[in-house]
């Protein structure tokens, strides 16, 4: 099972945990390219689960969420409901259902 580990602020962690937020975004920069892109195929790497962590504390809340897809866009993506706005190239992580939630956010 391949797991992608990501850290989130409380607002985004809570929205994903509640099922309101179905996409996680990262700006297309070298750091994220190295973590999320297969250098041979130049497509998004395949992960079974995204393990989100709310902060950096040792006992920080965590949750596992299905990872449905990782794709790329050069469009302006935003989700007005959540107040996110990005410009330029974006890496989009499509999330499925929450599989496990531990700790209190």
Protein backbone atom coordinates (compact mmCIF):
# COMPACT_ATOMS: atom_id res chain seq x y z
CA UNK A 1 0.00 0.00 0.00
CA UNK A 2 1.47 3.35 -1.06
CA UNK A 3 0.82 6.23 1.32
CA UNK A 4 1.28 9.94 0.58
CA UNK A 5 1.95 11.91 3.78
CA UNK A 6 0.76 15.54 3.89
CA UNK A 7 0.48 18.07 6.70
CA UNK A 8 -2.47 20.47 6.86
CA UNK A 9 -3.69 23.39 8.89
CA UNK A 10 -6.76 22.76 11.05
CA UNK A 11 -9.21 24.48 8.68
CA UNK A 12 -8.33 22.21 5.74
CA UNK A 13 -8.02 19.10 7.92
CA UNK A 14 -11.52 19.63 9.32
CA UNK A 15 -13.06 20.27 5.88
CA UNK A 16 -11.58 17.06 4.49
CA UNK A 17 -12.58 15.08 7.60
CA UNK A 18 -16.19 16.28 7.23
CA UNK A 19 -16.25 15.31 3.55
CA UNK A 20 -16.80 18.90 2.36
CA UNK A 21 -13.42 19.19 0.65
CA UNK A 22 -12.73 16.59 -2.05
CA UNK A 23 -9.57 18.05 -3.61
CA UNK A 24 -6.21 19.02 -2.20
CA UNK A 25 -4.02 21.38 -4.21
CA UNK A 26 -0.29 21.97 -4.43
CA UNK A 27 1.48 24.53 -6.57
CA UNK A 28 3.54 22.94 -9.32
CA UNK A 29 7.01 23.56 -7.91
CA UNK A 30 10.15 21.35 -7.88
CA UNK A 31 9.50 20.10 -4.33
CA UNK A 32 6.01 18.83 -5.19
CA UNK A 33 7.11 17.56 -8.60
CA UNK A 34 9.65 15.31 -6.87
CA UNK A 35 7.04 13.96 -4.46
CA UNK A 36 4.03 13.64 -6.75
CA UNK A 37 5.28 13.06 -10.31
CA UNK A 38 6.70 9.88 -11.80
CA UNK A 39 9.89 11.05 -13.59
CA UNK A 40 9.61 8.30 -16.23
CA UNK A 41 5.98 8.80 -17.28
CA UNK A 42 5.67 12.45 -16.14
CA UNK A 43 2.22 11.54 -14.80
CA UNK A 44 1.02 11.71 -11.23
CA UNK A 45 2.36 8.96 -9.00
CA UNK A 46 -0.19 6.44 -7.78
CA UNK A 47 -1.01 6.34 -4.09
CA UNK A 48 -3.63 4.26 -2.30
CA UNK A 49 -4.03 6.61 0.65
CA UNK A 50 -3.29 10.18 1.60
CA UNK A 51 -2.38 10.33 5.30
CA UNK A 52 -3.12 13.84 6.50
CA UNK A 53 -1.66 15.19 9.71
CA UNK A 54 -2.99 18.29 11.44
CA UNK A 55 0.24 20.06 12.39
CA UNK A 56 3.61 18.81 13.53
CA UNK A 57 3.01 17.79 17.14
CA UNK A 58 3.91 14.21 18.03
CA UNK A 59 0.28 13.55 19.02
CA UNK A 60 -1.28 15.53 16.13
CA UNK A 61 -4.60 14.24 14.74
CA UNK A 62 -4.30 12.12 11.60
CA UNK A 63 -6.63 10.69 9.01
CA UNK A 64 -6.36 8.37 6.05
CA UNK A 65 -8.29 9.29 2.91
CA UNK A 66 -8.61 7.42 -0.37
CA UNK A 67 -6.39 8.86 -3.10
CA UNK A 68 -8.35 8.65 -6.34
CA UNK A 69 -6.07 10.57 -8.68
CA UNK A 70 -3.24 13.07 -9.03
CA UNK A 71 -3.41 15.28 -12.10
CA UNK A 72 -2.11 18.61 -13.36
CA UNK A 73 -3.69 21.73 -14.74
CA UNK A 74 -2.46 25.05 -16.05
CA UNK A 75 -5.88 26.59 -15.49
CA UNK A 76 -6.80 28.81 -12.60
CA UNK A 77 -8.37 26.47 -10.07
CA UNK A 78 -10.31 27.61 -7.09
CA UNK A 79 -13.01 26.50 -4.74
CA UNK A 80 -14.95 29.59 -3.68
CA UNK A 81 -16.74 27.60 -0.95
CA UNK A 82 -13.43 27.16 0.86
CA UNK A 83 -11.69 30.37 -0.18
CA UNK A 84 -8.79 28.74 -2.00
CA UNK A 85 -7.42 30.36 -5.09
CA UNK A 86 -4.42 29.40 -7.18
CA UNK A 87 -2.95 30.67 -10.40
CA UNK A 88 -0.53 28.98 -12.76
CA UNK A 89 0.23 25.28 -12.85
CA UNK A 90 -1.46 23.28 -10.12
CA UNK A 91 -1.21 19.68 -8.93
CA UNK A 92 -4.67 18.41 -7.98
CA UNK A 93 -5.08 15.48 -5.60
CA UNK A 94 -8.58 14.00 -5.89
CA UNK A 95 -9.75 12.54 -2.59
CA UNK A 96 -12.22 9.75 -1.88
CA UNK A 97 -13.80 8.73 1.39
CA UNK A 98 -12.24 9.13 4.81
CA UNK A 99 -11.03 5.70 5.90
CA UNK A 100 -9.64 6.48 9.35
CA UNK A 101 -9.65 9.48 11.70
CA UNK A 102 -7.57 9.55 14.89
CA UNK A 103 -7.19 12.23 17.51
CA UNK A 104 -9.00 15.45 18.10
CA UNK A 105 -8.32 18.37 15.79
